[in-house]
Amino acid sequence: RLVPRNEKTAYYAMADCCLVNAVRDGMNLVPYKYIICRQGTPGIDKAMGTSRDSPRTSMLVVSEFIGCSPSLSGAIRVNPWDVDAVAEAVNLALKMSEAEKRLRHEKHYHYVSTHDVGYWAKSFLQDLERASQDHYNKRCWGIGFGLSFRVLSLSPSFRKLSIDHIV
């Protein structure tokens, strides 16, 4: 069933640990949403009966295959195919000291709150400019058919490797 947004927010806010165990994924936003919800808002704090200045914690156990895994350096990474490792990671996350949980949460919250849409857009444009900086000097070839089609871009100084250099 489709879970309403306010219900998901409540689940995230109350969860001591968030497990995102995808085998194949692009950019999964669930860990980011979890971190934001664990940080709280006046409404969430009131509903949960916590004070605004109480320390915040969050624990993430994420698949090493999800797109956001590298950006969450405080998360516990697991191979989702290794069921025992996943169980151990969840156990570790739940039994970790409150101080460590706070430290990891602060690190994640700082990252999520500073890497907003504006940051991502600026970063994307910088990468695009850098990638296309020397565009007109490159030679491009189309290789393959259908879904395996790729564009290969080589600089004019590219030289084919001679068989003499291999042996």
Foldseek 3Di string as FASTA:
>chain_A
DDDDPVRVLLVLCPDQEDEAQDQAEEADCVVVSSLVSQLPDVVSCVVVVHDNPDQTFYAYEYEPRYHCVVVLVLHHYDHSVPVVVSVVRVVCSVPPDPVSRSVSSVSSNVSSVVCDPVNVVVVVVVVVCVVCVCVVQWDWDWDDDDPPIDIDIDGPPDDDDDPVVVD
